[in-house]
Amino acid sequence: MDPLRDLPMGFGMALVQNQSAMEAFSSMTPEQQQAIISQTHRVHSKEEMQTLVESIVR
């Protein structure tokens, strides 16, 4: 799986809206990226997704 190409739609949309998070995610190892992607499966709202994306740069 190519995490940058096969992102869950909501996560990809949230990343596009946060350039810092997108850059941070892109610089992660594949294992780190997969760990973040796994977390997206527990997200149930747009607000939760935004919080997850914001946590990438913290």
PDB file of N, CA and C in Angstrom:
ATOM      1  N   MET A   1       0.843  -1.186   0.000  1.00  0.00           N
ATOM      2  CA  MET A   1       0.000   0.000   0.000  1.00  0.00           C
ATOM      3  C   MET A   1       0.881   1.239   0.000  1.00  0.00           C
ATOM      4  N   ASP A   2       0.563   2.190  -0.829  1.00  0.00           N
ATOM      5  CA  ASP A   2       1.248   3.476  -0.864  1.00  0.00           C
ATOM      6  C   ASP A   2       0.407   4.445  -0.046  1.00  0.00           C
ATOM      7  N   PRO A   3       0.798   4.735   1.213  1.00  0.00           N
ATOM      8  CA  PRO A   3      -0.042   5.552   2.083  1.00  0.00           C
ATOM      9  C   PRO A   3      -0.404   6.907   1.503  1.00  0.00           C
ATOM     10  N   LEU A   4       0.497   7.519   0.758  1.00  0.00           N
ATOM     11  CA  LEU A   4       0.180   8.834   0.210  1.00  0.00           C
ATOM     12  C   LEU A   4      -0.829   8.753  -0.928  1.00  0.00           C
ATOM     13  N   ARG A   5      -0.894   7.637  -1.605  1.00  0.00           N
ATOM     14  CA  ARG A   5      -1.827   7.490  -2.711  1.00  0.00           C
ATOM     15  C   ARG A   5      -3.143   6.883  -2.259  1.00  0.00           C
ATOM     16  N   ASP A   6      -3.096   6.038  -1.239  1.00  0.00           N
ATOM     17  CA  ASP A   6      -4.262   5.290  -0.814  1.00  0.00           C
ATOM     18  C   ASP A   6      -4.831   5.787   0.522  1.00  0.00           C
ATOM     19  N   LEU A   7      -4.800   7.093   0.725  1.00  0.00           N
ATOM     20  CA  LEU A   7      -5.315   7.659   1.973  1.00  0.00           C
ATOM     21  C   LEU A   7      -6.829   7.542   2.040  1.00  0.00           C
ATOM     22  N   PRO A   8      -7.371   7.340   3.239  1.00  0.00           N
ATOM     23  CA  PRO A   8      -8.823   7.441   3.390  1.00  0.00           C
ATOM     24  C   PRO A   8      -9.264   8.847   2.956  1.00  0.00           C
ATOM     25  N   MET A   9     -10.391   8.948   2.302  1.00  0.00           N
ATOM     26  CA  MET A   9     -10.818  10.201   1.700  1.00  0.00           C
ATOM     27  C   MET A   9     -10.892  11.350   2.703  1.00  0.00           C
ATOM     28  N   GLY A  10     -11.532  11.135   3.840  1.00  0.00           N
ATOM     29  CA  GLY A  10     -11.672  12.207   4.828  1.00  0.00           C
ATOM     30  C   GLY A  10     -10.334  12.683   5.357  1.00  0.00           C
ATOM     31  N   PHE A  11      -9.419  11.749   5.537  1.00  0.00           N
ATOM     32  CA  PHE A  11      -8.090  12.100   6.018  1.00  0.00           C
ATOM     33  C   PHE A  11      -7.343  12.907   4.963  1.00  0.00           C
ATOM     34  N   GLY A  12      -7.410  12.463   3.733  1.00  0.00           N
ATOM     35  CA  GLY A  12      -6.749  13.187   2.641  1.00  0.00           C
ATOM     36  C   GLY A  12      -7.283  14.596   2.498  1.00  0.00           C
ATOM     37  N   MET A  13      -8.587  14.746   2.618  1.00  0.00           N
ATOM     38  CA  MET A  13      -9.193  16.075   2.517  1.00  0.00           C
ATOM     39  C   MET A  13      -8.740  16.966   3.667  1.00  0.00           C
ATOM     40  N   ALA A  14      -8.650  16.408   4.869  1.00  0.00           N
ATOM     41  CA  ALA A  14      -8.197  17.178   6.017  1.00  0.00           C
ATOM     42  C   ALA A  14      -6.725  17.561   5.867  1.00  0.00           C
ATOM     43  N   LEU A  15      -5.914  16.666   5.315  1.00  0.00           N
ATOM     44  CA  LEU A  15      -4.498  16.983   5.095  1.00  0.00           C
ATOM     45  C   LEU A  15      -4.332  18.126   4.096  1.00  0.00           C
ATOM     46  N   VAL A  16      -5.118  18.101   3.045  1.00  0.00           N
ATOM     47  CA  VAL A  16      -5.031  19.141   2.020  1.00  0.00           C
ATOM     48  C   VAL A  16      -5.296  20.517   2.634  1.00  0.00           C
ATOM     49  N   GLN A  17      -6.117  20.561   3.657  1.00  0.00           N
ATOM     50  CA  GLN A  17      -6.469  21.830   4.294  1.00  0.00           C
ATOM     51  C   GLN A  17      -5.431  22.272   5.324  1.00  0.00           C
ATOM     52  N   ASN A  18      -4.431  21.454   5.605  1.00  0.00           N
ATOM     53  CA  ASN A  18      -3.415  21.784   6.602  1.00  0.00           C
ATOM     54  C   ASN A  18      -2.039  21.455   6.009  1.00  0.00           C
ATOM     55  N   GLN A  19      -1.434  22.442   5.385  1.00  0.00           N
ATOM     56  CA  GLN A  19      -0.170  22.233   4.670  1.00  0.00           C
ATOM     57  C   GLN A  19       0.934  21.731   5.598  1.00  0.00           C
ATOM     58  N   SER A  20       1.006  22.257   6.811  1.00  0.00           N
ATOM     59  CA  SER A  20       2.045  21.816   7.754  1.00  0.00           C
ATOM     60  C   SER A  20       1.895  20.339   8.078  1.00  0.00           C
ATOM     61  N   ALA A  21       0.659  19.906   8.299  1.00  0.00           N
ATOM     62  CA  ALA A  21       0.410  18.504   8.608  1.00  0.00           C
ATOM     63  C   ALA A  21       0.728  17.628   7.399  1.00  0.00           C
ATOM     64  N   MET A  22       0.397  18.107   6.211  1.00  0.00           N
ATOM     65  CA  MET A  22       0.695  17.327   5.005  1.00  0.00           C
ATOM     66  C   MET A  22       2.195  17.137   4.850  1.00  0.00           C
ATOM     67  N   GLU A  23       2.959  18.193   5.077  1.00  0.00           N
ATOM     68  CA  GLU A  23       4.406  18.089   4.958  1.00  0.00           C
ATOM     69  C   GLU A  23       4.977  17.145   6.025  1.00  0.00           C
ATOM     70  N   ALA A  24       4.451  17.258   7.247  1.00  0.00           N
ATOM     71  CA  ALA A  24       4.921  16.388   8.326  1.00  0.00           C
ATOM     72  C   ALA A  24       4.590  14.930   8.025  1.00  0.00           C
ATOM     73  N   PHE A  25       3.373  14.678   7.554  1.00  0.00           N
ATOM     74  CA  PHE A  25       2.960  13.318   7.220  1.00  0.00           C
ATOM     75  C   PHE A  25       3.831  12.765   6.090  1.00  0.00           C
ATOM     76  N   SER A  26       4.103  13.583   5.102  1.00  0.00           N
ATOM     77  CA  SER A  26       4.907  13.138   3.957  1.00  0.00           C
ATOM     78  C   SER A  26       6.329  12.780   4.364  1.00  0.00           C
ATOM     79  N   SER A  27       6.836  13.417   5.417  1.00  0.00           N
ATOM     80  CA  SER A  27       8.216  13.154   5.830  1.00  0.00           C
ATOM     81  C   SER A  27       8.333  11.976   6.801  1.00  0.00           C
ATOM     82  N   MET A  28       7.203  11.408   7.200  1.00  0.00           N
ATOM     83  CA  MET A  28       7.220  10.258   8.120  1.00  0.00           C
ATOM     84  C   MET A  28       7.637   8.990   7.391  1.00  0.00           C
ATOM     85  N   THR A  29       8.113   8.034   8.175  1.00  0.00           N
ATOM     86  CA  THR A  29       8.413   6.715   7.609  1.00  0.00           C
ATOM     87  C   THR A  29       7.088   6.036   7.236  1.00  0.00           C
ATOM     88  N   PRO A  30       7.129   5.051   6.363  1.00  0.00           N
ATOM     89  CA  PRO A  30       5.892   4.329   6.027  1.00  0.00           C
ATOM     90  C   PRO A  30       5.204   3.739   7.261  1.00  0.00           C
ATOM     91  N   GLU A  31       5.982   3.290   8.217  1.00  0.00           N
ATOM     92  CA  GLU A  31       5.394   2.717   9.433  1.00  0.00           C
ATOM     93  C   GLU A  31       4.663   3.786  10.245  1.00  0.00           C
ATOM     94  N   GLN A  32       5.260   4.964  10.347  1.00  0.00           N
ATOM     95  CA  GLN A  32       4.614   6.066  11.062  1.00  0.00           C
ATOM     96  C   GLN A  32       3.336   6.490  10.337  1.00  0.00           C
ATOM     97  N   GLN A  33       3.400   6.566   9.022  1.00  0.00           N
ATOM     98  CA  GLN A  33       2.221   6.930   8.233  1.00  0.00           C
ATOM     99  C   GLN A  33       1.104   5.918   8.458  1.00  0.00           C
ATOM    100  N   GLN A  34       1.457   4.642   8.448  1.00  0.00           N
ATOM    101  CA  GLN A  34       0.448   3.601   8.635  1.00  0.00           C
ATOM    102  C   GLN A  34      -0.185   3.696  10.014  1.00  0.00           C
ATOM    103  N   ALA A  35       0.598   4.053  11.018  1.00  0.00           N
ATOM    104  CA  ALA A  35       0.057   4.209  12.369  1.00  0.00           C
ATOM    105  C   ALA A  35      -0.978   5.328  12.404  1.00  0.00           C
ATOM    106  N   ILE A  36      -0.702   6.431  11.716  1.00  0.00           N
ATOM    107  CA  ILE A  36      -1.664   7.541  11.654  1.00  0.00           C
ATOM    108  C   ILE A  36      -2.911   7.100  10.890  1.00  0.00           C
ATOM    109  N   ILE A  37      -2.713   6.444   9.767  1.00  0.00           N
ATOM    110  CA  ILE A  37      -3.851   5.982   8.961  1.00  0.00           C
ATOM    111  C   ILE A  37      -4.719   5.031   9.782  1.00  0.00           C
ATOM    112  N   SER A  38      -4.102   4.180  10.582  1.00  0.00           N
ATOM    113  CA  SER A  38      -4.871   3.266  11.433  1.00  0.00           C
ATOM    114  C   SER A  38      -5.745   4.037  12.413  1.00  0.00           C
ATOM    115  N   GLN A  39      -5.244   5.165  12.890  1.00  0.00           N
ATOM    116  CA  GLN A  39      -6.028   5.985  13.820  1.00  0.00           C
ATOM    117  C   GLN A  39      -7.268   6.575  13.150  1.00  0.00           C
ATOM    118  N   THR A  40      -7.200   6.781  11.839  1.00  0.00           N
ATOM    119  CA  THR A  40      -8.348   7.385  11.152  1.00  0.00           C
ATOM    120  C   THR A  40      -9.580   6.489  11.199  1.00  0.00           C
ATOM    121  N   HIS A  41      -9.379   5.203  11.411  1.00  0.00           N
ATOM    122  CA  HIS A  41     -10.509   4.276  11.439  1.00  0.00           C
ATOM    123  C   HIS A  41     -11.350   4.418  12.705  1.00  0.00           C
ATOM    124  N   ARG A  42     -10.818   5.162  13.686  1.00  0.00           N
ATOM    125  CA  ARG A  42     -11.567   5.399  14.924  1.00  0.00           C
ATOM    126  C   ARG A  42     -12.191   6.792  14.960  1.00  0.00           C
ATOM    127  N   VAL A  43     -12.081   7.534  13.867  1.00  0.00           N
ATOM    128  CA  VAL A  43     -12.604   8.895  13.785  1.00  0.00           C
ATOM    129  C   VAL A  43     -14.041   8.846  13.275  1.00  0.00           C
ATOM    130  N   HIS A  44     -14.915   9.605  13.953  1.00  0.00           N
ATOM    131  CA  HIS A  44     -16.336   9.561  13.595  1.00  0.00           C
ATOM    132  C   HIS A  44     -16.924  10.916  13.216  1.00  0.00           C
ATOM    133  N   SER A  45     -16.090  11.953  13.138  1.00  0.00           N
ATOM    134  CA  SER A  45     -16.617  13.265  12.736  1.00  0.00           C
ATOM    135  C   SER A  45     -15.513  14.083  12.073  1.00  0.00           C
ATOM    136  N   LYS A  46     -15.935  15.108  11.375  1.00  0.00           N
ATOM    137  CA  LYS A  46     -14.994  16.013  10.725  1.00  0.00           C
ATOM    138  C   LYS A  46     -14.095  16.677  11.768  1.00  0.00           C
ATOM    139  N   GLU A  47     -14.670  17.040  12.892  1.00  0.00           N
ATOM    140  CA  GLU A  47     -13.904  17.693  13.952  1.00  0.00           C
ATOM    141  C   GLU A  47     -12.828  16.758  14.512  1.00  0.00           C
ATOM    142  N   GLU A  48     -13.183  15.503  14.710  1.00  0.00           N
ATOM    143  CA  GLU A  48     -12.202  14.530  15.196  1.00  0.00           C
ATOM    144  C   GLU A  48     -11.077  14.343  14.175  1.00  0.00           C
ATOM    145  N   MET A  49     -11.417  14.343  12.892  1.00  0.00           N
ATOM    146  CA  MET A  49     -10.399  14.194  11.852  1.00  0.00           C
ATOM    147  C   MET A  49      -9.471  15.400  11.854  1.00  0.00           C
ATOM    148  N   GLN A  50     -10.028  16.587  11.998  1.00  0.00           N
ATOM    149  CA  GLN A  50      -9.196  17.787  12.046  1.00  0.00           C
ATOM    150  C   GLN A  50      -8.256  17.755  13.252  1.00  0.00           C
ATOM    151  N   THR A  51      -8.767  17.268  14.382  1.00  0.00           N
ATOM    152  CA  THR A  51      -7.926  17.142  15.582  1.00  0.00           C
ATOM    153  C   THR A  51      -6.796  16.153  15.334  1.00  0.00           C
ATOM    154  N   LEU A  52      -7.097  15.041  14.693  1.00  0.00           N
ATOM    155  CA  LEU A  52      -6.068  14.053  14.384  1.00  0.00           C
ATOM    156  C   LEU A  52      -5.008  14.665  13.468  1.00  0.00           C
ATOM    157  N   VAL A  53      -5.443  15.358  12.438  1.00  0.00           N
ATOM    158  CA  VAL A  53      -4.502  15.970  11.495  1.00  0.00           C
ATOM    159  C   VAL A  53      -3.647  17.028  12.204  1.00  0.00           C
ATOM    160  N   GLU A  54      -4.258  17.816  13.050  1.00  0.00           N
ATOM    161  CA  GLU A  54      -3.509  18.830  13.792  1.00  0.00           C
ATOM    162  C   GLU A  54      -2.480  18.187  14.721  1.00  0.00           C
ATOM    163  N   SER A  55      -2.789  16.999  15.230  1.00  0.00           N
ATOM    164  CA  SER A  55      -1.851  16.331  16.136  1.00  0.00           C
ATOM    165  C   SER A  55      -0.572  15.901  15.422  1.00  0.00           C
ATOM    166  N   ILE A  56      -0.600  15.801  14.119  1.00  0.00           N
ATOM    167  CA  ILE A  56       0.574  15.401  13.348  1.00  0.00           C
ATOM    168  C   ILE A  56       1.691  16.437  13.487  1.00  0.00           C
ATOM    169  N   VAL A  57       1.332  17.696  13.578  1.00  0.00           N
ATOM    170  CA  VAL A  57       2.352  18.761  13.627  1.00  0.00           C
ATOM    171  C   VAL A  57       2.714  19.159  15.051  1.00  0.00           C
ATOM    172  N   ARG A  58       2.029  18.593  16.037  1.00  0.00           N
ATOM    173  CA  ARG A  58       2.361  18.907  17.435  1.00  0.00           C
ATOM    174  C   ARG A  58       3.446  18.038  17.957  1.00  0.00           C
TER     175      ARG A  58
END
